[in-house]
Full PDB file with SEQRES, HELIX, SHEET, SSBOND, CRYST1, ORIGX, SCALE, CONECT and MASTER records, all heavy atoms in Angstrom:
SEQRES   1 A   31  ILE ASP VAL LEU THR ALA LYS ASN ALA PRO LYS GLN ASP          
SEQRES   2 A   31  THR SER SER ASP ASP ALA ILE PRO GLN LEU VAL GLY ASP          
SEQRES   3 A   31  LYS VAL ARG HIS TYR                                          
CRYST1    1.000    1.000    1.000  90.00  90.00  90.00 P 1           1          
ORIGX1      1.000000  0.000000  0.000000        0.00000                         
ORIGX2      0.000000  1.000000  0.000000        0.00000                         
ORIGX3      0.000000  0.000000  1.000000        0.00000                         
SCALE1      1.000000  0.000000  0.000000        0.00000                         
SCALE2      0.000000  1.000000  0.000000        0.00000                         
SCALE3      0.000000  0.000000  1.000000        0.00000                         
ATOM      1  N   ILE A   1      -4.755 -38.530 -41.049  1.00  0.00           N  
ATOM      2  CA  ILE A   1      -3.656 -38.390 -42.004  1.00  0.00           C  
ATOM      3  C   ILE A   1      -3.727 -37.045 -42.712  1.00  0.00           C  
ATOM      4  O   ILE A   1      -2.721 -36.361 -42.890  1.00  0.00           O  
ATOM      5  CB  ILE A   1      -3.690 -39.540 -43.029  1.00  0.00           C  
ATOM      6  CG1 ILE A   1      -3.527 -40.883 -42.314  1.00  0.00           C  
ATOM      7  CG2 ILE A   1      -2.622 -39.356 -44.093  1.00  0.00           C  
ATOM      8  CD1 ILE A   1      -3.831 -42.081 -43.194  1.00  0.00           C  
ATOM      9  N   ASP A   2      -4.926 -36.650 -43.114  1.00  0.00           N  
ATOM     10  CA  ASP A   2      -5.088 -35.381 -43.832  1.00  0.00           C  
ATOM     11  C   ASP A   2      -6.556 -34.994 -43.815  1.00  0.00           C  
ATOM     12  O   ASP A   2      -7.440 -35.839 -43.589  1.00  0.00           O  
ATOM     13  CB  ASP A   2      -4.596 -35.508 -45.278  1.00  0.00           C  
ATOM     14  CG  ASP A   2      -4.210 -34.163 -45.895  1.00  0.00           C  
ATOM     15  OD1 ASP A   2      -4.462 -33.113 -45.240  1.00  0.00           O  
ATOM     16  OD2 ASP A   2      -3.670 -34.157 -47.013  1.00  0.00           O  
ATOM     17  N   VAL A   3      -6.797 -33.717 -44.047  1.00  0.00           N  
ATOM     18  CA  VAL A   3      -8.150 -33.203 -44.232  1.00  0.00           C  
ATOM     19  C   VAL A   3      -8.147 -32.410 -45.531  1.00  0.00           C  
ATOM     20  O   VAL A   3      -7.352 -31.464 -45.683  1.00  0.00           O  
ATOM     21  CB  VAL A   3      -8.600 -32.304 -43.068  1.00  0.00           C  
ATOM     22  CG1 VAL A   3     -10.014 -31.776 -43.324  1.00  0.00           C  
ATOM     23  CG2 VAL A   3      -8.543 -33.055 -41.754  1.00  0.00           C  
ATOM     24  N   LEU A   4      -9.006 -32.802 -46.466  1.00  0.00           N  
ATOM     25  CA  LEU A   4      -9.069 -32.132 -47.768  1.00  0.00           C  
ATOM     26  C   LEU A   4     -10.257 -31.194 -47.828  1.00  0.00           C  
ATOM     27  O   LEU A   4     -11.352 -31.523 -47.358  1.00  0.00           O  
ATOM     28  CB  LEU A   4      -9.177 -33.162 -48.894  1.00  0.00           C  
ATOM     29  CG  LEU A   4      -8.052 -34.192 -49.028  1.00  0.00           C  
ATOM     30  CD1 LEU A   4      -8.303 -35.084 -50.236  1.00  0.00           C  
ATOM     31  CD2 LEU A   4      -6.690 -33.515 -49.134  1.00  0.00           C  
ATOM     32  N   THR A   5     -10.028 -30.021 -48.397  1.00  0.00           N  
ATOM     33  CA  THR A   5     -11.092 -29.074 -48.717  1.00  0.00           C  
ATOM     34  C   THR A   5     -10.812 -28.548 -50.117  1.00  0.00           C  
ATOM     35  O   THR A   5      -9.856 -28.989 -50.783  1.00  0.00           O  
ATOM     36  CB  THR A   5     -11.113 -27.901 -47.718  1.00  0.00           C  
ATOM     37  OG1 THR A   5      -9.921 -27.115 -47.892  1.00  0.00           O  
ATOM     38  CG2 THR A   5     -11.205 -28.397 -46.282  1.00  0.00           C  
ATOM     39  N   ALA A   6     -11.612 -27.601 -50.560  1.00  0.00           N  
ATOM     40  CA  ALA A   6     -11.386 -27.026 -51.892  1.00  0.00           C  
ATOM     41  C   ALA A   6     -10.031 -26.339 -51.986  1.00  0.00           C  
ATOM     42  O   ALA A   6      -9.489 -26.167 -53.083  1.00  0.00           O  
ATOM     43  CB  ALA A   6     -12.505 -26.042 -52.217  1.00  0.00           C  
ATOM     44  N   LYS A   7      -9.457 -25.952 -50.841  1.00  0.00           N  
ATOM     45  CA  LYS A   7      -8.194 -25.223 -50.864  1.00  0.00           C  
ATOM     46  C   LYS A   7      -6.976 -26.121 -51.054  1.00  0.00           C  
ATOM     47  O   LYS A   7      -5.931 -25.663 -51.515  1.00  0.00           O  
ATOM     48  CB  LYS A   7      -8.045 -24.415 -49.570  1.00  0.00           C  
ATOM     49  CG  LYS A   7      -9.034 -23.258 -49.482  1.00  0.00           C  
ATOM     50  CD  LYS A   7      -8.747 -22.385 -48.266  1.00  0.00           C  
ATOM     51  CE  LYS A   7      -9.672 -21.172 -48.256  1.00  0.00           C  
ATOM     52  NZ  LYS A   7      -9.391 -20.266 -47.108  1.00  0.00           N  
ATOM     53  N   ASN A   8      -7.084 -27.396 -50.712  1.00  0.00           N  
ATOM     54  CA  ASN A   8      -5.899 -28.252 -50.819  1.00  0.00           C  
ATOM     55  C   ASN A   8      -6.156 -29.570 -51.539  1.00  0.00           C  
ATOM     56  O   ASN A   8      -5.282 -30.440 -51.567  1.00  0.00           O  
ATOM     57  CB  ASN A   8      -5.315 -28.525 -49.433  1.00  0.00           C  
ATOM     58  CG  ASN A   8      -6.246 -29.351 -48.550  1.00  0.00           C  
ATOM     59  OD1 ASN A   8      -7.441 -29.401 -48.787  1.00  0.00           O  
ATOM     60  ND2 ASN A   8      -5.680 -30.000 -47.526  1.00  0.00           N  
ATOM     61  N   ALA A   9      -7.338 -29.750 -52.099  1.00  0.00           N  
ATOM     62  CA  ALA A   9      -7.631 -30.994 -52.820  1.00  0.00           C  
ATOM     63  C   ALA A   9      -6.809 -31.060 -54.106  1.00  0.00           C  
ATOM     64  O   ALA A   9      -6.517 -30.031 -54.723  1.00  0.00           O  
ATOM     65  CB  ALA A   9      -9.112 -31.065 -53.158  1.00  0.00           C  
ATOM     66  N   PRO A  10      -6.400 -32.247 -54.515  1.00  0.00           N  
ATOM     67  CA  PRO A  10      -5.678 -32.386 -55.781  1.00  0.00           C  
ATOM     68  C   PRO A  10      -6.448 -31.781 -56.950  1.00  0.00           C  
ATOM     69  O   PRO A  10      -7.676 -31.700 -56.933  1.00  0.00           O  
ATOM     70  CB  PRO A  10      -5.526 -33.901 -55.933  1.00  0.00           C  
ATOM     71  CG  PRO A  10      -5.530 -34.411 -54.529  1.00  0.00           C  
ATOM     72  CD  PRO A  10      -6.501 -33.524 -53.801  1.00  0.00           C  
ATOM     73  N   LYS A  11      -5.715 -31.378 -57.954  1.00  0.00           N  
ATOM     74  CA  LYS A  11      -6.289 -30.683 -59.098  1.00  0.00           C  
ATOM     75  C   LYS A  11      -7.267 -31.578 -59.856  1.00  0.00           C  
ATOM     76  O   LYS A  11      -7.019 -32.760 -60.060  1.00  0.00           O  
ATOM     77  CB  LYS A  11      -5.177 -30.220 -60.034  1.00  0.00           C  
ATOM     78  CG  LYS A  11      -5.682 -29.413 -61.225  1.00  0.00           C  
ATOM     79  CD  LYS A  11      -4.521 -28.989 -62.122  1.00  0.00           C  
ATOM     80  CE  LYS A  11      -5.038 -28.223 -63.344  1.00  0.00           C  
ATOM     81  NZ  LYS A  11      -3.921 -27.814 -64.246  1.00  0.00           N  
ATOM     82  N   GLN A  12      -8.365 -30.982 -60.292  1.00  0.00           N  
ATOM     83  CA  GLN A  12      -9.366 -31.668 -61.112  1.00  0.00           C  
ATOM     84  C   GLN A  12      -9.770 -30.774 -62.269  1.00  0.00           C  
ATOM     85  O   GLN A  12      -9.644 -29.547 -62.191  1.00  0.00           O  
ATOM     86  CB  GLN A  12     -10.608 -32.015 -60.280  1.00  0.00           C  
ATOM     87  CG  GLN A  12     -10.341 -32.913 -59.088  1.00  0.00           C  
ATOM     88  CD  GLN A  12     -11.500 -32.881 -58.122  1.00  0.00           C  
ATOM     89  OE1 GLN A  12     -12.492 -33.562 -58.304  1.00  0.00           O  
ATOM     90  NE2 GLN A  12     -11.384 -32.072 -57.070  1.00  0.00           N  
ATOM     91  N   ASP A  13     -10.281 -31.377 -63.320  1.00  0.00           N  
ATOM     92  CA  ASP A  13     -10.762 -30.632 -64.481  1.00  0.00           C  
ATOM     93  C   ASP A  13     -12.201 -30.193 -64.223  1.00  0.00           C  
ATOM     94  O   ASP A  13     -13.082 -31.033 -64.016  1.00  0.00           O  
ATOM     95  CB  ASP A  13     -10.692 -31.508 -65.728  1.00  0.00           C  
ATOM     96  CG  ASP A  13     -10.997 -30.728 -67.009  1.00  0.00           C  
ATOM     97  OD1 ASP A  13     -11.590 -29.633 -66.920  1.00  0.00           O  
ATOM     98  OD2 ASP A  13     -10.643 -31.213 -68.088  1.00  0.00           O  
ATOM     99  N   THR A  14     -12.438 -28.903 -64.220  1.00  0.00           N  
ATOM    100  CA  THR A  14     -13.786 -28.387 -63.990  1.00  0.00           C  
ATOM    101  C   THR A  14     -14.448 -27.929 -65.280  1.00  0.00           C  
ATOM    102  O   THR A  14     -15.573 -27.422 -65.251  1.00  0.00           O  
ATOM    103  CB  THR A  14     -13.746 -27.208 -63.008  1.00  0.00           C  
ATOM    104  OG1 THR A  14     -12.900 -26.173 -63.530  1.00  0.00           O  
ATOM    105  CG2 THR A  14     -13.217 -27.649 -61.655  1.00  0.00           C  
ATOM    106  N   SER A  15     -13.778 -28.104 -66.422  1.00  0.00           N  
ATOM    107  CA  SER A  15     -14.324 -27.600 -67.688  1.00  0.00           C  
ATOM    108  C   SER A  15     -14.970 -28.678 -68.545  1.00  0.00           C  
ATOM    109  O   SER A  15     -15.849 -28.397 -69.351  1.00  0.00           O  
ATOM    110  CB  SER A  15     -13.214 -26.915 -68.502  1.00  0.00           C  
ATOM    111  OG  SER A  15     -12.174 -27.845 -68.806  1.00  0.00           O  
ATOM    112  N   SER A  16     -14.557 -29.929 -68.373  1.00  0.00           N  
ATOM    113  CA  SER A  16     -15.070 -31.004 -69.215  1.00  0.00           C  
ATOM    114  C   SER A  16     -16.496 -31.379 -68.824  1.00  0.00           C  
ATOM    115  O   SER A  16     -16.837 -31.471 -67.643  1.00  0.00           O  
ATOM    116  CB  SER A  16     -14.176 -32.239 -69.097  1.00  0.00           C  
ATOM    117  OG  SER A  16     -14.764 -33.359 -69.732  1.00  0.00           O  
ATOM    118  N   ASP A  17     -17.341 -31.608 -69.827  1.00  0.00           N  
ATOM    119  CA  ASP A  17     -18.711 -32.048 -69.565  1.00  0.00           C  
ATOM    120  C   ASP A  17     -18.750 -33.430 -68.935  1.00  0.00           C  
ATOM    121  O   ASP A  17     -19.732 -33.790 -68.271  1.00  0.00           O  
ATOM    122  CB  ASP A  17     -19.524 -32.050 -70.866  1.00  0.00           C  
ATOM    123  CG  ASP A  17     -19.802 -30.647 -71.378  1.00  0.00           C  
ATOM    124  OD1 ASP A  17     -19.742 -29.695 -70.578  1.00  0.00           O  
ATOM    125  OD2 ASP A  17     -20.067 -30.512 -72.587  1.00  0.00           O  
ATOM    126  N   ASP A  18     -17.696 -34.222 -69.150  1.00  0.00           N  
ATOM    127  CA  ASP A  18     -17.654 -35.574 -68.603  1.00  0.00           C  
ATOM    128  C   ASP A  18     -17.126 -35.608 -67.171  1.00  0.00           C  
ATOM    129  O   ASP A  18     -17.297 -36.603 -66.471  1.00  0.00           O  
ATOM    130  CB  ASP A  18     -16.774 -36.470 -69.480  1.00  0.00           C  
ATOM    131  CG  ASP A  18     -17.364 -36.677 -70.863  1.00  0.00           C  
ATOM    132  OD1 ASP A  18     -18.591 -36.863 -70.956  1.00  0.00           O  
ATOM    133  OD2 ASP A  18     -16.600 -36.641 -71.844  1.00  0.00           O  
ATOM    134  N   ALA A  19     -16.483 -34.537 -66.735  1.00  0.00           N  
ATOM    135  CA  ALA A  19     -15.873 -34.521 -65.411  1.00  0.00           C  
ATOM    136  C   ALA A  19     -16.923 -34.347 -64.317  1.00  0.00           C  
ATOM    137  O   ALA A  19     -17.974 -33.734 -64.530  1.00  0.00           O  
ATOM    138  CB  ALA A  19     -14.840 -33.401 -65.323  1.00  0.00           C  
ATOM    139  N   ILE A  20     -16.615 -34.890 -63.151  1.00  0.00           N  
ATOM    140  CA  ILE A  20     -17.514 -34.790 -61.999  1.00  0.00           C  
ATOM    141  C   ILE A  20     -16.697 -34.397 -60.767  1.00  0.00           C  
ATOM    142  O   ILE A  20     -16.598 -35.150 -59.801  1.00  0.00           O  
ATOM    143  CB  ILE A  20     -18.265 -36.111 -61.768  1.00  0.00           C  
ATOM    144  CG1 ILE A  20     -17.309 -37.306 -61.912  1.00  0.00           C  
ATOM    145  CG2 ILE A  20     -19.443 -36.253 -62.686  1.00  0.00           C  
ATOM    146  CD1 ILE A  20     -17.944 -38.624 -61.576  1.00  0.00           C  
ATOM    147  N   PRO A  21     -16.082 -33.216 -60.788  1.00  0.00           N  
ATOM    148  CA  PRO A  21     -15.171 -32.821 -59.708  1.00  0.00           C  
ATOM    149  C   PRO A  21     -15.878 -32.639 -58.375  1.00  0.00           C  
ATOM    150  O   PRO A  21     -17.059 -32.287 -58.312  1.00  0.00           O  
ATOM    151  CB  PRO A  21     -14.595 -31.493 -60.219  1.00  0.00           C  
ATOM    152  CG  PRO A  21     -15.643 -30.956 -61.147  1.00  0.00           C  
ATOM    153  CD  PRO A  21     -16.239 -32.167 -61.809  1.00  0.00           C  
ATOM    154  N   GLN A  22     -15.146 -32.870 -57.308  1.00  0.00           N  
ATOM    155  CA  GLN A  22     -15.628 -32.697 -55.943  1.00  0.00           C  
ATOM    156  C   GLN A  22     -14.652 -31.796 -55.186  1.00  0.00           C  
ATOM    157  O   GLN A  22     -13.465 -31.727 -55.517  1.00  0.00           O  
ATOM    158  CB  GLN A  22     -15.739 -34.055 -55.237  1.00  0.00           C  
ATOM    159  CG  GLN A  22     -16.647 -35.051 -55.931  1.00  0.00           C  
ATOM    160  CD  GLN A  22     -18.098 -34.625 -55.924  1.00  0.00           C  
ATOM    161  OE1 GLN A  22     -18.622 -34.169 -54.907  1.00  0.00           O  
ATOM    162  NE2 GLN A  22     -18.766 -34.771 -57.058  1.00  0.00           N  
ATOM    163  N   LEU A  23     -15.161 -31.115 -54.157  1.00  0.00           N  
ATOM    164  CA  LEU A  23     -14.339 -30.220 -53.338  1.00  0.00           C  
ATOM    165  C   LEU A  23     -13.664 -29.159 -54.191  1.00  0.00           C  
ATOM    166  O   LEU A  23     -12.440 -28.954 -54.145  1.00  0.00           O  
ATOM    167  CB  LEU A  23     -13.286 -31.011 -52.547  1.00  0.00           C  
ATOM    168  CG  LEU A  23     -13.792 -32.148 -51.648  1.00  0.00           C  
ATOM    169  CD1 LEU A  23     -12.622 -32.767 -50.881  1.00  0.00           C  
ATOM    170  CD2 LEU A  23     -14.862 -31.671 -50.691  1.00  0.00           C  
ATOM    171  N   VAL A  24     -14.448 -28.467 -55.000  1.00  0.00           N  
ATOM    172  CA  VAL A  24     -13.924 -27.367 -55.814  1.00  0.00           C  
ATOM    173  C   VAL A  24     -14.771 -26.120 -55.557  1.00  0.00           C  
ATOM    174  O   VAL A  24     -15.998 -26.184 -55.528  1.00  0.00           O  
ATOM    175  CB  VAL A  24     -13.929 -27.715 -57.315  1.00  0.00           C  
ATOM    176  CG1 VAL A  24     -12.918 -28.802 -57.617  1.00  0.00           C  
ATOM    177  CG2 VAL A  24     -15.304 -28.152 -57.795  1.00  0.00           C  
ATOM    178  N   GLY A  25     -14.105 -25.007 -55.353  1.00  0.00           N  
ATOM    179  CA  GLY A  25     -14.796 -23.745 -55.166  1.00  0.00           C  
ATOM    180  C   GLY A  25     -15.477 -23.638 -53.814  1.00  0.00           C  
ATOM    181  O   GLY A  25     -15.420 -24.538 -52.970  1.00  0.00           O  
ATOM    182  N   ASP A  26     -16.128 -22.487 -53.615  1.00  0.00           N  
ATOM    183  CA  ASP A  26     -16.789 -22.236 -52.337  1.00  0.00           C  
ATOM    184  C   ASP A  26     -18.306 -22.278 -52.432  1.00  0.00           C  
ATOM    185  O   ASP A  26     -19.004 -21.995 -51.464  1.00  0.00           O  
ATOM    186  CB  ASP A  26     -16.347 -20.881 -51.777  1.00  0.00           C  
ATOM    187  CG  ASP A  26     -16.767 -19.709 -52.664  1.00  0.00           C  
ATOM    188  OD1 ASP A  26     -17.333 -19.944 -53.756  1.00  0.00           O  
ATOM    189  OD2 ASP A  26     -16.529 -18.555 -52.263  1.00  0.00           O  
ATOM    190  N   LYS A  27     -18.845 -22.656 -53.582  1.00  0.00           N  
ATOM    191  CA  LYS A  27     -20.291 -22.655 -53.775  1.00  0.00           C  
ATOM    192  C   LYS A  27     -20.924 -23.922 -53.201  1.00  0.00           C  
ATOM    193  O   LYS A  27     -20.450 -25.034 -53.444  1.00  0.00           O  
ATOM    194  CB  LYS A  27     -20.626 -22.530 -55.256  1.00  0.00           C  
ATOM    195  CG  LYS A  27     -22.116 -22.414 -55.546  1.00  0.00           C  
ATOM    196  CD  LYS A  27     -22.366 -22.197 -57.033  1.00  0.00           C  
ATOM    197  CE  LYS A  27     -23.848 -22.052 -57.322  1.00  0.00           C  
ATOM    198  NZ  LYS A  27     -24.116 -21.848 -58.780  1.00  0.00           N  
ATOM    199  N   VAL A  28     -22.007 -23.747 -52.461  1.00  0.00           N  
ATOM    200  CA  VAL A  28     -22.805 -24.873 -51.977  1.00  0.00           C  
ATOM    201  C   VAL A  28     -24.095 -24.899 -52.779  1.00  0.00           C  
ATOM    202  O   VAL A  28     -24.896 -23.964 -52.725  1.00  0.00           O  
ATOM    203  CB  VAL A  28     -23.123 -24.736 -50.472  1.00  0.00           C  
ATOM    204  CG1 VAL A  28     -24.042 -25.880 -50.022  1.00  0.00           C  
ATOM    205  CG2 VAL A  28     -21.838 -24.741 -49.659  1.00  0.00           C  
ATOM    206  N   ARG A  29     -24.289 -25.947 -53.525  1.00  0.00           N  
ATOM    207  CA  ARG A  29     -25.458 -26.047 -54.401  1.00  0.00           C  
ATOM    208  C   ARG A  29     -26.656 -26.678 -53.698  1.00  0.00           C  
ATOM    209  O   ARG A  29     -27.792 -26.347 -53.992  1.00  0.00           O  
ATOM    210  CB  ARG A  29     -25.110 -26.855 -55.660  1.00  0.00           C  
ATOM    211  CG  ARG A  29     -23.993 -26.251 -56.489  1.00  0.00           C  
ATOM    212  CD  ARG A  29     -23.729 -27.059 -57.747  1.00  0.00           C  
ATOM    213  NE  ARG A  29     -23.487 -28.463 -57.445  1.00  0.00           N  
ATOM    214  CZ  ARG A  29     -22.301 -28.952 -57.068  1.00  0.00           C  
ATOM    215  NH1 ARG A  29     -21.261 -28.136 -56.919  1.00  0.00           N  
ATOM    216  NH2 ARG A  29     -22.143 -30.241 -56.825  1.00  0.00           N  
ATOM    217  N   HIS A  30     -26.375 -27.626 -52.801  1.00  0.00           N  
ATOM    218  CA  HIS A  30     -27.472 -28.334 -52.152  1.00  0.00           C  
ATOM    219  C   HIS A  30     -27.045 -28.864 -50.795  1.00  0.00           C  
ATOM    220  O   HIS A  30     -25.844 -29.034 -50.511  1.00  0.00           O  
ATOM    221  CB  HIS A  30     -27.976 -29.488 -53.027  1.00  0.00           C  
ATOM    222  CG  HIS A  30     -26.947 -30.563 -53.276  1.00  0.00           C  
ATOM    223  ND1 HIS A  30     -26.672 -31.558 -52.364  1.00  0.00           N  
ATOM    224  CD2 HIS A  30     -26.127 -30.797 -54.336  1.00  0.00           C  
ATOM    225  CE1 HIS A  30     -25.732 -32.354 -52.853  1.00  0.00           C  
ATOM    226  NE2 HIS A  30     -25.378 -31.915 -54.032  1.00  0.00           N  
ATOM    227  N   TYR A  31     -28.027 -29.105 -49.958  1.00  0.00           N  
ATOM    228  CA  TYR A  31     -27.802 -29.747 -48.657  1.00  0.00           C  
ATOM    229  C   TYR A  31     -27.175 -31.118 -48.902  1.00  0.00           C  
ATOM    230  O   TYR A  31     -27.604 -31.875 -49.769  1.00  0.00           O  
ATOM    231  CB  TYR A  31     -29.144 -29.899 -47.936  1.00  0.00           C  
ATOM    232  CG  TYR A  31     -29.041 -30.419 -46.525  1.00  0.00           C  
ATOM    233  CD1 TYR A  31     -29.122 -29.542 -45.439  1.00  0.00           C  
ATOM    234  CD2 TYR A  31     -28.875 -31.773 -46.259  1.00  0.00           C  
ATOM    235  CE1 TYR A  31     -29.033 -30.004 -44.130  1.00  0.00           C  
ATOM    236  CE2 TYR A  31     -28.780 -32.244 -44.966  1.00  0.00           C  
ATOM    237  CZ  TYR A  31     -28.859 -31.364 -43.901  1.00  0.00           C  
ATOM    238  OH  TYR A  31     -28.772 -31.834 -42.621  1.00  0.00           O  
TER     239      TYR A  31                                                      
MASTER        0    0    0    0    0    0    0    6  238    1    0    3          
END                                                                             
């Protein structure tokens, strides 16, 4: 149906301490 990546994932809040966004940016933090 669809493939989501950081380029087309729905908008998320990346500034809130309570938020836990996924598929944002190009940084890989861990395996």
